Amino acid sequence: MGRWKQLEHNSVDDLIGETAYVGQGLGKAAVCELPQQIVQETDTRRVIVQLDAKNRASCQTLLSVGFSYDSEKHRYRLDW
C-alpha cells in the first residue's frame, strides 16, 4: 500500500496544490483517477472516503464518479 497510505490525511485540494487551480475540475479528475491507480497497484477492491458533511462540493463529486454513501457509517465507498 506504500505511497497510498500517505494520502490518508490529505485532501484532494492538497494534491492540487495552488489555490488558483481549485474549482477547475481537477479535483473530479483526481477523484476519478486515484481509485483506479490504487486498484491497479494494490490488491485493494474498495476505496473509502470520509468527508466533512459540510463540504457539499466534495460529497457531490464523489457521488458523480460512482461512490455510494453509507448513511450508517457516514462515509463514501467505491467497490470493484
Protein backbone atom coordinates (compact mmCIF):
# COMPACT_ATOMS: atom_id res chain seq x y z
CA MET A 1 0.00 0.00 0.00
CA GLY A 2 3.11 2.18 0.40
CA ARG A 3 2.56 5.56 -1.17
CA TRP A 4 -1.24 5.38 -0.94
CA LYS A 5 -1.16 5.11 2.84
CA GLN A 6 0.48 8.55 2.81
CA LEU A 7 -2.72 10.06 1.41
CA GLU A 8 -4.65 9.09 4.50
CA HIS A 9 -4.96 12.59 5.94
CA ASN A 10 -4.61 14.71 2.81
CA SER A 11 -7.40 16.27 0.82
CA VAL A 12 -7.75 16.48 -2.93
CA ASP A 13 -7.16 20.22 -2.56
CA ASP A 14 -3.77 19.34 -1.04
CA LEU A 15 -2.98 17.23 -4.10
CA ILE A 16 -3.98 20.01 -6.49
CA GLY A 17 -1.79 22.46 -4.63
CA GLU A 18 -2.15 26.04 -5.79
CA THR A 19 -5.44 27.63 -4.83
CA ALA A 20 -5.61 29.21 -8.30
CA TYR A 21 -6.30 25.73 -9.69
CA VAL A 22 -9.02 24.78 -7.18
CA GLY A 23 -12.52 24.84 -8.70
CA GLN A 24 -11.43 23.98 -12.24
CA GLY A 25 -12.46 20.33 -12.31
CA LEU A 26 -9.07 18.99 -11.31
CA GLY A 27 -10.49 17.52 -8.11
CA LYS A 28 -13.05 15.49 -10.03
CA ALA A 29 -10.33 14.23 -12.37
CA ALA A 30 -8.21 13.25 -9.36
CA VAL A 31 -11.15 11.54 -7.65
CA CYS A 32 -11.68 9.51 -10.83
CA GLU A 33 -8.02 8.63 -11.28
CA LEU A 34 -6.83 7.91 -7.74
CA PRO A 35 -9.05 4.88 -7.06
CA GLN A 36 -8.09 3.39 -10.42
CA GLN A 37 -4.40 3.81 -9.63
CA ILE A 38 -4.83 2.34 -6.16
CA VAL A 39 -6.62 -0.72 -7.55
CA GLN A 40 -4.01 -1.22 -10.28
CA GLU A 41 -1.09 -1.00 -7.86
CA THR A 42 -2.52 -2.88 -4.87
CA ASP A 43 -4.92 -5.71 -4.09
CA THR A 44 -7.47 -3.18 -2.81
CA ARG A 45 -11.04 -3.67 -4.02
CA ARG A 46 -12.69 -0.89 -2.03
CA VAL A 47 -11.89 2.77 -1.53
CA ILE A 48 -13.48 4.52 1.44
CA VAL A 49 -13.62 8.28 1.88
CA GLN A 50 -14.90 10.11 4.94
CA LEU A 51 -15.64 13.79 4.43
CA ASP A 52 -16.95 16.65 6.45
CA ALA A 53 -20.65 16.66 5.54
CA LYS A 54 -20.45 20.45 5.19
CA ASN A 55 -18.16 20.00 2.18
CA ARG A 56 -21.06 19.57 -0.23
CA ALA A 57 -18.97 20.06 -3.37
CA SER A 58 -16.69 17.16 -2.48
CA CYS A 59 -19.65 14.98 -1.49
CA GLN A 60 -21.30 15.65 -4.85
CA THR A 61 -18.05 14.95 -6.69
CA LEU A 62 -17.74 11.53 -5.06
CA LEU A 63 -21.32 10.63 -5.94
CA SER A 64 -20.87 11.85 -9.51
CA VAL A 65 -17.94 9.50 -10.14
CA GLY A 66 -19.61 6.38 -8.76
CA PHE A 67 -19.07 6.40 -5.00
CA SER A 68 -22.07 5.45 -2.88
CA TYR A 69 -22.90 6.94 0.50
CA ASP A 70 -23.11 4.67 3.54
CA SER A 71 -25.51 6.55 5.82
CA GLU A 72 -24.85 4.26 8.79
CA LYS A 73 -21.10 4.87 8.78
CA HIS A 74 -21.26 8.38 7.29
CA ARG A 75 -18.73 7.71 4.57
CA TYR A 76 -18.46 7.11 0.85
CA ARG A 77 -17.28 3.90 -0.78
CA LEU A 78 -16.38 2.62 -4.20
CA ASP A 79 -16.15 -1.13 -4.77
CA TRP A 80 -14.64 -3.15 -7.61
